[in-house]
Amino acid sequence: MRTLPTREHIEWFGSQYLRSPADLLDFRFSPISGARFQRITSSLDNNSRIRSTRDQGEAYANKLLQAGSLSLTSVRFNNVIHGFLSFFPLMEQGRDAIGLIGSVLRRVFYDKI
């Protein structure tokens, strides 16, 4: 039997990171709450299809595009769970994601030198 997280689960996990309800609007907890999308020049949105926050990740990527992000890589990995990256020794999608992250970091930090 597969159980999806409930709203109560999500709220409990969130409460482990928050000091107060005001932190919900802090861009470090919720990047989509940031008002300065046009200042973000490069980003990677790496989502899995089976993820409770997938829609928020994709909405964030869309906000970046609308703000004119110069370099956005947005990828949804299908048929994998949240945290699939941790299983890279066992999953091809995890290895692909590691390679993608490496190529984005190389482009952002190395190729600009």
C-alpha atoms as a PDB file:
ATOM      1  CA  MET A   1       0.000   0.000   0.000  1.00  0.00           C
ATOM      2  CA  ARG A   2       1.361   3.406  -1.007  1.00  0.00           C
ATOM      3  CA  THR A   3       0.651   6.373   1.235  1.00  0.00           C
ATOM      4  CA  LEU A   4       1.004   9.943   0.054  1.00  0.00           C
ATOM      5  CA  PRO A   5       1.911  12.636   2.555  1.00  0.00           C
ATOM      6  CA  THR A   6      -1.049  14.479   4.008  1.00  0.00           C
ATOM      7  CA  ARG A   7      -1.311  18.210   4.628  1.00  0.00           C
ATOM      8  CA  GLU A   8      -0.494  17.466   8.288  1.00  0.00           C
ATOM      9  CA  HIS A   9       2.714  15.664   7.240  1.00  0.00           C
ATOM     10  CA  ILE A  10       3.800  18.579   5.060  1.00  0.00           C
ATOM     11  CA  GLU A  11       3.031  21.090   7.816  1.00  0.00           C
ATOM     12  CA  TRP A  12       4.982  19.029  10.364  1.00  0.00           C
ATOM     13  CA  PHE A  13       8.041  18.809   8.102  1.00  0.00           C
ATOM     14  CA  GLY A  14       7.826  22.537   7.401  1.00  0.00           C
ATOM     15  CA  SER A  15       7.616  23.296  11.110  1.00  0.00           C
ATOM     16  CA  GLN A  16      10.975  21.586  11.596  1.00  0.00           C
ATOM     17  CA  TYR A  17      12.587  24.357   9.528  1.00  0.00           C
ATOM     18  CA  LEU A  18      10.592  27.409  10.585  1.00  0.00           C
ATOM     19  CA  ARG A  19      11.306  29.591  13.598  1.00  0.00           C
ATOM     20  CA  SER A  20       8.011  31.453  13.225  1.00  0.00           C
ATOM     21  CA  PRO A  21       5.093  31.687  10.764  1.00  0.00           C
ATOM     22  CA  ALA A  22       6.738  34.800   9.275  1.00  0.00           C
ATOM     23  CA  ASP A  23       9.482  32.526   7.929  1.00  0.00           C
ATOM     24  CA  LEU A  24       6.946  31.148   5.429  1.00  0.00           C
ATOM     25  CA  LEU A  25       7.549  34.314   3.396  1.00  0.00           C
ATOM     26  CA  ASP A  26      11.344  34.092   3.639  1.00  0.00           C
ATOM     27  CA  PHE A  27      12.830  33.362   0.197  1.00  0.00           C
ATOM     28  CA  ARG A  28      15.246  30.854   1.767  1.00  0.00           C
ATOM     29  CA  PHE A  29      12.314  28.683   2.854  1.00  0.00           C
ATOM     30  CA  SER A  30      10.068  29.428  -0.100  1.00  0.00           C
ATOM     31  CA  PRO A  31      12.055  30.738  -3.089  1.00  0.00           C
ATOM     32  CA  ILE A  32       8.866  31.680  -4.936  1.00  0.00           C
ATOM     33  CA  SER A  33       8.241  34.275  -2.194  1.00  0.00           C
ATOM     34  CA  GLY A  34      11.263  36.247  -3.405  1.00  0.00           C
ATOM     35  CA  ALA A  35      10.313  39.432  -5.209  1.00  0.00           C
ATOM     36  CA  ARG A  36      13.573  39.853  -7.117  1.00  0.00           C
ATOM     37  CA  PHE A  37      13.306  37.190  -9.794  1.00  0.00           C
ATOM     38  CA  GLN A  38      14.933  39.425 -12.401  1.00  0.00           C
ATOM     39  CA  ARG A  39      18.177  39.394 -10.368  1.00  0.00           C
ATOM     40  CA  ILE A  40      18.529  35.615 -10.663  1.00  0.00           C
ATOM     41  CA  THR A  41      20.681  35.112 -13.730  1.00  0.00           C
ATOM     42  CA  SER A  42      21.190  31.329 -13.661  1.00  0.00           C
ATOM     43  CA  SER A  43      19.159  28.561 -12.080  1.00  0.00           C
ATOM     44  CA  LEU A  44      18.356  24.869 -12.220  1.00  0.00           C
ATOM     45  CA  ASP A  45      14.895  23.522 -11.431  1.00  0.00           C
ATOM     46  CA  ASN A  46      15.287  19.774 -10.949  1.00  0.00           C
ATOM     47  CA  ASN A  47      11.919  18.119 -10.214  1.00  0.00           C
ATOM     48  CA  SER A  48      10.604  14.616  -9.923  1.00  0.00           C
ATOM     49  CA  ARG A  49       7.104  13.721 -11.077  1.00  0.00           C
ATOM     50  CA  ILE A  50       6.242  12.022  -7.775  1.00  0.00           C
ATOM     51  CA  ARG A  51       6.983  14.895  -5.404  1.00  0.00           C
ATOM     52  CA  SER A  52       4.675  16.814  -3.114  1.00  0.00           C
ATOM     53  CA  THR A  53       6.240  20.174  -4.022  1.00  0.00           C
ATOM     54  CA  ARG A  54       6.642  19.549  -7.761  1.00  0.00           C
ATOM     55  CA  ASP A  55       4.018  22.113  -8.757  1.00  0.00           C
ATOM     56  CA  GLN A  56       5.685  24.792  -6.634  1.00  0.00           C
ATOM     57  CA  GLY A  57       9.059  24.030  -8.233  1.00  0.00           C
ATOM     58  CA  GLU A  58       7.627  24.345 -11.712  1.00  0.00           C
ATOM     59  CA  ALA A  59       5.747  27.544 -10.767  1.00  0.00           C
ATOM     60  CA  TYR A  60       9.062  28.986  -9.546  1.00  0.00           C
ATOM     61  CA  ALA A  61      10.709  28.124 -12.865  1.00  0.00           C
ATOM     62  CA  ASN A  62       7.845  29.855 -14.709  1.00  0.00           C
ATOM     63  CA  LYS A  63       8.272  32.989 -12.547  1.00  0.00           C
ATOM     64  CA  LEU A  64      11.963  33.042 -13.461  1.00  0.00           C
ATOM     65  CA  LEU A  65      11.122  32.778 -17.166  1.00  0.00           C
ATOM     66  CA  GLN A  66       8.561  35.584 -16.909  1.00  0.00           C
ATOM     67  CA  ALA A  67      11.164  37.762 -15.155  1.00  0.00           C
ATOM     68  CA  GLY A  68      13.610  37.196 -18.017  1.00  0.00           C
ATOM     69  CA  SER A  69      16.013  34.728 -16.410  1.00  0.00           C
ATOM     70  CA  LEU A  70      19.094  34.605 -18.615  1.00  0.00           C
ATOM     71  CA  SER A  71      19.805  30.935 -18.062  1.00  0.00           C
ATOM     72  CA  LEU A  72      17.185  28.531 -16.728  1.00  0.00           C
ATOM     73  CA  THR A  73      17.395  24.766 -16.943  1.00  0.00           C
ATOM     74  CA  SER A  74      14.142  23.124 -15.851  1.00  0.00           C
ATOM     75  CA  VAL A  75      13.828  19.338 -15.946  1.00  0.00           C
ATOM     76  CA  ARG A  76      11.162  16.982 -14.621  1.00  0.00           C
ATOM     77  CA  PHE A  77      12.355  13.436 -14.067  1.00  0.00           C
ATOM     78  CA  ASN A  78       9.382  11.097 -14.516  1.00  0.00           C
ATOM     79  CA  ASN A  79       8.654   7.929 -12.550  1.00  0.00           C
ATOM     80  CA  VAL A  80      10.996   8.742  -9.684  1.00  0.00           C
ATOM     81  CA  ILE A  81      10.386   9.771  -6.090  1.00  0.00           C
ATOM     82  CA  HIS A  82      11.447  12.896  -4.236  1.00  0.00           C
ATOM     83  CA  GLY A  83      15.027  12.306  -3.120  1.00  0.00           C
ATOM     84  CA  PHE A  84      15.843  10.104  -6.118  1.00  0.00           C
ATOM     85  CA  LEU A  85      19.167  11.886  -6.469  1.00  0.00           C
ATOM     86  CA  SER A  86      20.342  10.081  -3.323  1.00  0.00           C
ATOM     87  CA  PHE A  87      19.907   6.783  -5.141  1.00  0.00           C
ATOM     88  CA  PHE A  88      22.295   7.667  -7.974  1.00  0.00           C
ATOM     89  CA  PRO A  89      24.342   4.462  -7.518  1.00  0.00           C
ATOM     90  CA  LEU A  90      21.181   2.444  -8.236  1.00  0.00           C
ATOM     91  CA  MET A  91      19.123   4.639 -10.561  1.00  0.00           C
ATOM     92  CA  GLU A  92      19.992   5.890 -14.019  1.00  0.00           C
ATOM     93  CA  GLN A  93      17.803   8.974 -13.473  1.00  0.00           C
ATOM     94  CA  GLY A  94      19.867   9.825 -10.380  1.00  0.00           C
ATOM     95  CA  ARG A  95      23.079   9.602 -12.395  1.00  0.00           C
ATOM     96  CA  ASP A  96      21.501  11.711 -15.143  1.00  0.00           C
ATOM     97  CA  ALA A  97      20.508  14.349 -12.569  1.00  0.00           C
ATOM     98  CA  ILE A  98      24.050  14.409 -11.109  1.00  0.00           C
ATOM     99  CA  GLY A  99      25.416  14.921 -14.634  1.00  0.00           C
ATOM    100  CA  LEU A 100      22.894  17.697 -15.279  1.00  0.00           C
ATOM    101  CA  ILE A 101      23.800  19.479 -12.046  1.00  0.00           C
ATOM    102  CA  GLY A 102      27.493  19.203 -12.915  1.00  0.00           C
ATOM    103  CA  SER A 103      26.974  20.615 -16.395  1.00  0.00           C
ATOM    104  CA  VAL A 104      24.932  23.565 -15.084  1.00  0.00           C
ATOM    105  CA  LEU A 105      27.536  24.346 -12.407  1.00  0.00           C
ATOM    106  CA  ARG A 106      30.313  24.091 -14.996  1.00  0.00           C
ATOM    107  CA  ARG A 107      28.455  26.446 -17.352  1.00  0.00           C
ATOM    108  CA  VAL A 108      27.704  28.975 -14.598  1.00  0.00           C
ATOM    109  CA  PHE A 109      31.059  28.996 -12.804  1.00  0.00           C
ATOM    110  CA  TYR A 110      33.727  27.667 -15.145  1.00  0.00           C
ATOM    111  CA  ASP A 111      32.707  28.653 -18.658  1.00  0.00           C
ATOM    112  CA  LYS A 112      32.344  32.311 -17.625  1.00  0.00           C
ATOM    113  CA  ILE A 113      35.986  32.613 -16.561  1.00  0.00           C
END
